[in-house]
Amino acid sequence: MDERETQIIVKDEESGEDVSLFVIEETELSKEKYLLVAESEDDDSDAMILHEVSTDEASGDVSYEVVTDDTLLQSLGKVFSELLSGTEVELKIE
């Protein structure tokens, strides 16, 4: 990633608290935007894929949902693996 925000703040729907996530990479698939994010940019941490579901043009706020569909996760995992090849980031898809 270059010249993009590397950290986003999301609201945990269960707790209502703000959570800081680090954006590792982003991509588009079928004109839909997806982010690969992790809770830490330094440690060996779990990552998740977020799907951009809406953008408020006036405020610039963006809404995301966690991708849970296994088929979509596998497809996006392959895309992100290719994008991250040659970097220090290792992506393990489980």
N, C-alpha and C. Protein backbone atom coordinates (compact mmCIF):
# COMPACT_ATOMS: atom_id res chain seq x y z
N MET A 1 0.84 -1.18 0.00
CA MET A 1 0.00 0.00 0.00
C MET A 1 0.88 1.24 0.00
N ASP A 2 0.45 2.24 -0.73
CA ASP A 2 1.22 3.45 -0.77
C ASP A 2 0.30 4.65 -0.71
N GLU A 3 0.68 5.63 0.14
CA GLU A 3 -0.03 6.89 0.28
C GLU A 3 -1.52 6.71 0.60
N ARG A 4 -1.88 5.66 1.28
CA ARG A 4 -3.24 5.48 1.75
C ARG A 4 -3.19 5.43 3.26
N GLU A 5 -4.34 5.61 3.88
CA GLU A 5 -4.38 5.46 5.32
C GLU A 5 -4.02 4.03 5.67
N THR A 6 -3.16 3.86 6.66
CA THR A 6 -2.77 2.52 7.05
C THR A 6 -3.47 2.09 8.33
N GLN A 7 -4.26 2.98 8.91
CA GLN A 7 -4.98 2.63 10.12
C GLN A 7 -6.41 3.15 9.99
N ILE A 8 -7.36 2.30 10.40
CA ILE A 8 -8.75 2.71 10.40
C ILE A 8 -9.34 2.42 11.78
N ILE A 9 -10.38 3.14 12.12
CA ILE A 9 -11.09 2.94 13.37
C ILE A 9 -12.47 2.39 13.02
N VAL A 10 -12.81 1.26 13.60
CA VAL A 10 -14.13 0.66 13.37
C VAL A 10 -14.83 0.48 14.70
N LYS A 11 -16.14 0.50 14.66
CA LYS A 11 -16.93 0.30 15.87
C LYS A 11 -17.30 -1.16 15.98
N ASP A 12 -16.95 -1.78 17.11
CA ASP A 12 -17.32 -3.16 17.38
C ASP A 12 -18.81 -3.18 17.67
N GLU A 13 -19.58 -3.89 16.84
CA GLU A 13 -21.02 -3.89 16.99
C GLU A 13 -21.48 -4.53 18.29
N GLU A 14 -20.72 -5.50 18.81
CA GLU A 14 -21.11 -6.17 20.05
C GLU A 14 -20.85 -5.29 21.27
N SER A 15 -19.67 -4.70 21.35
CA SER A 15 -19.31 -3.91 22.53
C SER A 15 -19.61 -2.43 22.37
N GLY A 16 -19.73 -1.97 21.12
CA GLY A 16 -19.95 -0.54 20.87
C GLY A 16 -18.68 0.29 20.97
N GLU A 17 -17.55 -0.35 21.24
CA GLU A 17 -16.30 0.36 21.39
C GLU A 17 -15.56 0.50 20.06
N ASP A 18 -14.75 1.55 19.97
CA ASP A 18 -13.92 1.75 18.79
C ASP A 18 -12.73 0.79 18.84
N VAL A 19 -12.41 0.21 17.68
CA VAL A 19 -11.28 -0.70 17.55
C VAL A 19 -10.38 -0.17 16.44
N SER A 20 -9.10 -0.09 16.73
CA SER A 20 -8.13 0.37 15.74
C SER A 20 -7.60 -0.83 14.96
N LEU A 21 -7.68 -0.76 13.65
CA LEU A 21 -7.19 -1.82 12.77
C LEU A 21 -6.19 -1.24 11.78
N PHE A 22 -5.22 -2.05 11.43
CA PHE A 22 -4.20 -1.64 10.47
C PHE A 22 -4.52 -2.27 9.12
N VAL A 23 -4.53 -1.44 8.09
CA VAL A 23 -4.80 -1.92 6.74
C VAL A 23 -3.51 -2.45 6.15
N ILE A 24 -3.53 -3.74 5.81
CA ILE A 24 -2.36 -4.39 5.24
C ILE A 24 -2.35 -4.21 3.72
N GLU A 25 -3.52 -4.38 3.12
CA GLU A 25 -3.64 -4.27 1.66
C GLU A 25 -5.11 -4.05 1.33
N GLU A 26 -5.36 -3.58 0.15
CA GLU A 26 -6.74 -3.42 -0.33
C GLU A 26 -6.82 -3.87 -1.78
N THR A 27 -8.02 -4.26 -2.18
CA THR A 27 -8.22 -4.70 -3.55
C THR A 27 -9.69 -4.49 -3.93
N GLU A 28 -9.97 -4.61 -5.21
CA GLU A 28 -11.33 -4.59 -5.72
C GLU A 28 -11.59 -5.89 -6.45
N LEU A 29 -12.78 -6.43 -6.24
CA LEU A 29 -13.21 -7.64 -6.91
C LEU A 29 -14.65 -7.43 -7.32
N SER A 30 -14.93 -7.53 -8.60
CA SER A 30 -16.28 -7.30 -9.14
C SER A 30 -16.80 -5.93 -8.71
N LYS A 31 -15.94 -4.92 -8.81
CA LYS A 31 -16.27 -3.53 -8.49
C LYS A 31 -16.62 -3.30 -7.02
N GLU A 32 -16.26 -4.25 -6.16
CA GLU A 32 -16.46 -4.12 -4.72
C GLU A 32 -15.10 -3.98 -4.06
N LYS A 33 -15.00 -3.09 -3.05
CA LYS A 33 -13.72 -2.83 -2.40
C LYS A 33 -13.60 -3.68 -1.13
N TYR A 34 -12.40 -4.26 -0.94
CA TYR A 34 -12.10 -5.12 0.21
C TYR A 34 -10.79 -4.69 0.84
N LEU A 35 -10.72 -4.77 2.17
CA LEU A 35 -9.51 -4.46 2.91
C LEU A 35 -9.06 -5.69 3.69
N LEU A 36 -7.76 -5.95 3.68
CA LEU A 36 -7.16 -6.95 4.54
C LEU A 36 -6.62 -6.18 5.73
N VAL A 37 -7.14 -6.46 6.93
CA VAL A 37 -6.78 -5.70 8.13
C VAL A 37 -6.33 -6.63 9.25
N ALA A 38 -5.56 -6.06 10.20
CA ALA A 38 -5.12 -6.78 11.39
C ALA A 38 -5.14 -5.82 12.56
N GLU A 39 -5.22 -6.37 13.77
CA GLU A 39 -5.23 -5.54 14.97
C GLU A 39 -3.87 -4.96 15.29
N SER A 40 -2.81 -5.55 14.76
CA SER A 40 -1.46 -5.07 15.01
C SER A 40 -0.66 -5.10 13.72
N GLU A 41 0.17 -4.10 13.52
CA GLU A 41 1.01 -4.11 12.32
C GLU A 41 2.39 -4.69 12.58
N ASP A 42 2.74 -4.89 13.85
CA ASP A 42 4.06 -5.38 14.19
C ASP A 42 4.10 -6.85 14.56
N ASP A 43 3.09 -7.30 15.28
CA ASP A 43 3.10 -8.66 15.82
C ASP A 43 2.50 -9.65 14.85
N ASP A 44 2.70 -10.91 15.18
CA ASP A 44 2.08 -12.00 14.44
C ASP A 44 0.62 -12.05 14.88
N SER A 45 -0.27 -11.47 14.09
CA SER A 45 -1.66 -11.38 14.53
C SER A 45 -2.61 -11.91 13.46
N ASP A 46 -3.81 -12.22 13.92
CA ASP A 46 -4.84 -12.66 13.00
C ASP A 46 -5.30 -11.49 12.14
N ALA A 47 -5.70 -11.82 10.95
CA ALA A 47 -6.20 -10.79 10.03
C ALA A 47 -7.62 -11.14 9.62
N MET A 48 -8.32 -10.16 9.11
CA MET A 48 -9.65 -10.39 8.58
C MET A 48 -9.83 -9.53 7.34
N ILE A 49 -10.82 -9.89 6.57
CA ILE A 49 -11.12 -9.15 5.35
C ILE A 49 -12.43 -8.40 5.56
N LEU A 50 -12.39 -7.10 5.28
CA LEU A 50 -13.57 -6.25 5.40
C LEU A 50 -14.07 -5.87 4.01
N HIS A 51 -15.38 -5.80 3.87
CA HIS A 51 -16.03 -5.40 2.62
C HIS A 51 -16.63 -4.02 2.82
N GLU A 52 -16.30 -3.09 1.94
CA GLU A 52 -16.87 -1.75 2.01
C GLU A 52 -18.32 -1.82 1.53
N VAL A 53 -19.24 -1.46 2.42
CA VAL A 53 -20.66 -1.57 2.07
C VAL A 53 -21.31 -0.23 1.77
N SER A 54 -20.76 0.88 2.31
CA SER A 54 -21.32 2.19 1.99
C SER A 54 -20.34 3.29 2.34
N THR A 55 -20.50 4.41 1.67
CA THR A 55 -19.68 5.59 1.93
C THR A 55 -20.60 6.79 2.03
N ASP A 56 -20.44 7.57 3.08
CA ASP A 56 -21.20 8.81 3.25
C ASP A 56 -20.39 9.91 2.60
N GLU A 57 -20.86 10.38 1.46
CA GLU A 57 -20.13 11.39 0.69
C GLU A 57 -19.88 12.66 1.50
N ALA A 58 -20.86 13.08 2.29
CA ALA A 58 -20.75 14.34 3.03
C ALA A 58 -19.68 14.27 4.12
N SER A 59 -19.70 13.21 4.92
CA SER A 59 -18.77 13.11 6.04
C SER A 59 -17.49 12.36 5.69
N GLY A 60 -17.54 11.56 4.63
CA GLY A 60 -16.40 10.74 4.27
C GLY A 60 -16.33 9.44 5.05
N ASP A 61 -17.33 9.19 5.92
CA ASP A 61 -17.36 7.95 6.69
C ASP A 61 -17.65 6.77 5.78
N VAL A 62 -16.98 5.66 6.07
CA VAL A 62 -17.15 4.44 5.29
C VAL A 62 -17.61 3.34 6.23
N SER A 63 -18.56 2.52 5.76
CA SER A 63 -19.04 1.38 6.55
C SER A 63 -18.49 0.10 5.95
N TYR A 64 -18.06 -0.81 6.84
CA TYR A 64 -17.49 -2.08 6.43
C TYR A 64 -18.21 -3.22 7.14
N GLU A 65 -18.21 -4.38 6.50
CA GLU A 65 -18.69 -5.61 7.11
C GLU A 65 -17.58 -6.65 6.98
N VAL A 66 -17.48 -7.52 7.97
CA VAL A 66 -16.50 -8.61 7.92
C VAL A 66 -17.00 -9.63 6.91
N VAL A 67 -16.12 -10.08 6.03
CA VAL A 67 -16.46 -11.11 5.05
C VAL A 67 -16.48 -12.45 5.77
N THR A 68 -17.62 -13.15 5.68
CA THR A 68 -17.75 -14.45 6.35
C THR A 68 -18.02 -15.60 5.38
N ASP A 69 -18.35 -15.28 4.13
CA ASP A 69 -18.63 -16.31 3.14
C ASP A 69 -17.34 -17.05 2.79
N ASP A 70 -17.32 -18.37 3.01
CA ASP A 70 -16.10 -19.16 2.82
C ASP A 70 -15.57 -19.11 1.38
N THR A 71 -16.45 -19.17 0.40
CA THR A 71 -16.02 -19.14 -0.99
C THR A 71 -15.38 -17.79 -1.32
N LEU A 72 -16.01 -16.72 -0.88
CA LEU A 72 -15.46 -15.38 -1.12
C LEU A 72 -14.15 -15.20 -0.37
N LEU A 73 -14.07 -15.70 0.86
CA LEU A 73 -12.82 -15.61 1.62
C LEU A 73 -11.68 -16.32 0.90
N GLN A 74 -11.94 -17.49 0.35
CA GLN A 74 -10.91 -18.23 -0.38
C GLN A 74 -10.45 -17.44 -1.61
N SER A 75 -11.41 -16.88 -2.35
CA SER A 75 -11.06 -16.09 -3.55
C SER A 75 -10.24 -14.86 -3.18
N LEU A 76 -10.70 -14.14 -2.17
CA LEU A 76 -9.98 -12.94 -1.75
C LEU A 76 -8.63 -13.28 -1.14
N GLY A 77 -8.56 -14.40 -0.43
CA GLY A 77 -7.29 -14.84 0.14
C GLY A 77 -6.24 -15.06 -0.92
N LYS A 78 -6.65 -15.64 -2.05
CA LYS A 78 -5.72 -15.85 -3.16
C LYS A 78 -5.26 -14.53 -3.74
N VAL A 79 -6.20 -13.58 -3.89
CA VAL A 79 -5.85 -12.26 -4.43
C VAL A 79 -4.86 -11.56 -3.50
N PHE A 80 -5.18 -11.54 -2.20
CA PHE A 80 -4.29 -10.87 -1.25
C PHE A 80 -2.94 -11.57 -1.17
N SER A 81 -2.90 -12.88 -1.26
CA SER A 81 -1.62 -13.61 -1.26
C SER A 81 -0.74 -13.17 -2.41
N GLU A 82 -1.36 -13.02 -3.59
CA GLU A 82 -0.60 -12.56 -4.76
C GLU A 82 -0.10 -11.13 -4.57
N LEU A 83 -0.97 -10.28 -4.02
CA LEU A 83 -0.57 -8.88 -3.81
C LEU A 83 0.56 -8.76 -2.79
N LEU A 84 0.61 -9.69 -1.85
CA LEU A 84 1.61 -9.62 -0.79
C LEU A 84 2.87 -10.43 -1.08
N SER A 85 2.88 -11.13 -2.21
CA SER A 85 4.08 -11.91 -2.53
C SER A 85 5.26 -10.96 -2.70
N GLY A 86 6.39 -11.36 -2.18
CA GLY A 86 7.58 -10.51 -2.26
C GLY A 86 7.66 -9.51 -1.12
N THR A 87 6.74 -9.57 -0.16
CA THR A 87 6.79 -8.69 1.01
C THR A 87 7.08 -9.54 2.24
N GLU A 88 7.22 -8.88 3.37
CA GLU A 88 7.49 -9.58 4.62
C GLU A 88 6.22 -10.18 5.22
N VAL A 89 5.06 -9.85 4.67
CA VAL A 89 3.79 -10.30 5.21
C VAL A 89 3.50 -11.70 4.69
N GLU A 90 3.21 -12.61 5.60
CA GLU A 90 2.85 -13.97 5.21
C GLU A 90 1.38 -14.18 5.54
N LEU A 91 0.62 -14.61 4.56
CA LEU A 91 -0.82 -14.80 4.72
C LEU A 91 -1.12 -16.28 4.72
N LYS A 92 -1.67 -16.77 5.83
CA LYS A 92 -2.08 -18.17 5.93
C LYS A 92 -3.60 -18.21 5.93
N ILE A 93 -4.17 -18.92 5.00
CA ILE A 93 -5.62 -19.01 4.88
C ILE A 93 -6.08 -20.29 5.56
N GLU A 94 -6.96 -20.12 6.54
CA GLU A 94 -7.47 -21.29 7.27
C GLU A 94 -8.96 -21.42 7.09
